[in-house]
Protein backbone atom coordinates (compact mmCIF):
# COMPACT_ATOMS: atom_id res chain seq x y z
CA MET A 1 -20.40 -5.52 -13.38
CA LYS A 2 -19.10 -5.48 -9.84
CA ILE A 3 -18.55 -2.19 -8.03
CA ILE A 4 -16.43 -2.19 -4.89
CA LYS A 5 -16.59 0.68 -2.41
CA PRO A 6 -13.51 0.56 -0.13
CA SER A 7 -15.51 2.46 2.50
CA GLU A 8 -17.81 -0.58 2.77
CA VAL A 9 -15.06 -3.23 2.94
CA GLU A 10 -14.28 -4.68 6.35
CA LEU A 11 -11.02 -3.68 8.06
CA ILE A 12 -8.26 -6.29 8.37
CA ASN A 13 -7.18 -6.73 11.96
CA ASN A 14 -3.41 -6.12 12.20
CA LYS A 15 -0.84 -5.68 14.95
CA LEU A 16 0.33 -2.31 13.59
CA GLY A 17 -3.04 -0.59 13.96
CA LEU A 18 -3.09 0.38 10.27
CA ILE A 19 -6.24 1.01 8.30
CA ALA A 20 -6.01 -1.92 5.88
CA LYS A 21 -8.66 -3.45 3.65
CA LYS A 22 -8.48 -6.19 1.02
CA VAL A 23 -10.63 -4.62 -1.69
CA TYR A 24 -9.94 -7.16 -4.46
CA SER A 25 -8.71 -10.75 -4.49
CA LYS A 26 -8.52 -13.04 -7.50
CA GLU A 27 -5.88 -15.54 -8.56
CA GLU A 28 -4.42 -12.98 -10.98
CA ALA A 29 -4.11 -10.06 -8.54
CA GLU A 30 -4.78 -8.76 -5.06
CA ILE A 31 -5.45 -5.12 -4.15
CA MET A 32 -5.15 -3.75 -0.64
CA TYR A 33 -6.21 -0.27 0.50
CA ILE A 34 -3.94 1.09 3.24
CA SER A 35 -4.10 4.43 5.02
CA LEU A 36 -1.37 5.67 7.36
CA LYS A 37 -1.96 8.39 9.93
CA GLU A 38 0.69 11.05 10.60
CA GLU A 39 4.06 9.43 11.45
CA GLN A 40 2.64 5.93 11.02
CA GLU A 41 4.51 3.44 8.84
CA LEU A 42 4.26 0.12 7.09
CA PRO A 43 7.62 -1.50 7.96
CA ALA A 44 9.89 -2.84 5.23
CA HIS A 45 9.08 -6.37 4.15
CA ALA A 46 9.49 -8.45 0.99
CA THR A 47 6.78 -10.15 -1.04
CA PRO A 48 7.17 -13.13 -3.41
CA VAL A 49 5.37 -11.24 -6.22
CA ASP A 50 5.69 -7.88 -7.98
CA VAL A 51 3.94 -4.99 -6.24
CA ILE A 52 2.63 -1.67 -7.57
CA PHE A 53 1.73 1.18 -5.21
CA TYR A 54 -0.73 3.88 -6.28
CA ILE A 55 -0.81 6.93 -3.99
CA ILE A 56 -4.43 8.02 -3.46
CA GLU A 57 -3.97 10.89 -1.01
CA GLY A 58 -1.29 12.69 0.93
CA SER A 59 2.44 12.38 0.69
CA GLY A 60 5.10 10.26 2.31
CA GLU A 61 8.19 8.20 1.78
CA ILE A 62 8.61 4.86 0.10
CA THR A 63 11.68 2.70 0.46
CA ILE A 64 12.39 -0.08 -2.00
CA GLY A 65 15.64 -1.91 -1.41
CA GLU A 66 18.26 0.76 -0.65
CA GLU A 67 16.32 3.61 -2.33
CA THR A 68 14.03 6.05 -0.48
CA GLU A 69 11.93 8.63 -2.33
CA LYS A 70 9.25 11.13 -1.40
CA VAL A 71 5.98 10.37 -3.18
CA GLU A 72 2.62 12.08 -3.42
CA GLN A 73 -0.93 11.72 -4.65
CA GLY A 74 -1.28 10.41 -8.19
CA MET A 75 2.08 8.61 -8.36
CA LEU A 76 2.50 4.95 -9.31
CA ILE A 77 5.54 3.08 -7.98
CA GLU A 78 6.77 -0.38 -8.99
CA SER A 79 8.48 -2.75 -6.53
CA PRO A 80 9.99 -5.99 -7.86
CA LYS A 81 9.32 -9.26 -6.08
CA ASP A 82 11.62 -10.29 -3.23
CA ILE A 83 12.93 -6.71 -2.71
CA PRO A 84 12.00 -5.24 0.72
CA HIS A 85 9.66 -2.24 0.57
CA GLY A 86 8.13 0.01 3.23
CA LEU A 87 6.12 3.24 3.42
CA LYS A 88 5.99 6.04 5.98
CA ASN A 89 3.71 9.04 6.43
CA ILE A 90 5.98 12.08 6.82
CA GLY A 91 3.34 14.67 5.92
CA LYS A 92 0.25 16.14 7.52
CA GLY A 93 -3.02 14.23 7.26
CA ASN A 94 -3.54 10.74 5.89
CA TYR A 95 -1.23 8.95 3.45
CA SER A 96 -3.42 6.45 1.58
CA PHE A 97 -2.45 4.09 -1.20
CA LEU A 98 -3.42 0.95 -3.08
CA VAL A 99 -1.08 -2.05 -2.94
CA ILE A 100 -1.51 -4.10 -6.10
CA LYS A 101 0.09 -7.55 -6.01
CA THR A 102 0.34 -9.51 -9.21
CA PRO A 103 -0.21 -12.38 -9.20
CA ARG A 104 -1.88 -12.83 -5.83
CA PRO A 105 0.67 -14.32 -3.42
């Protein structure tokens, strides 16, 4: 058994200043933990694989293609490969989520 504590995983250095951690990486899947501060966003971008977002805490917006929806803790959102997606914290406090890519790009 392998137990992973995101709090103990090293931060990924990124130009956006996001809290981002790769908490799982195998050929079959990759899972990133991302946390956005108030008004912070992960700009729209496309990935060559399907992506699932699981909202851990807070609320915000998610845009997939031309659709934008408000989402909150406990929701699971699918994003098909090659369709641009982005997330933005529009609430108070942190907006944290898992990004599950399958298979790993």
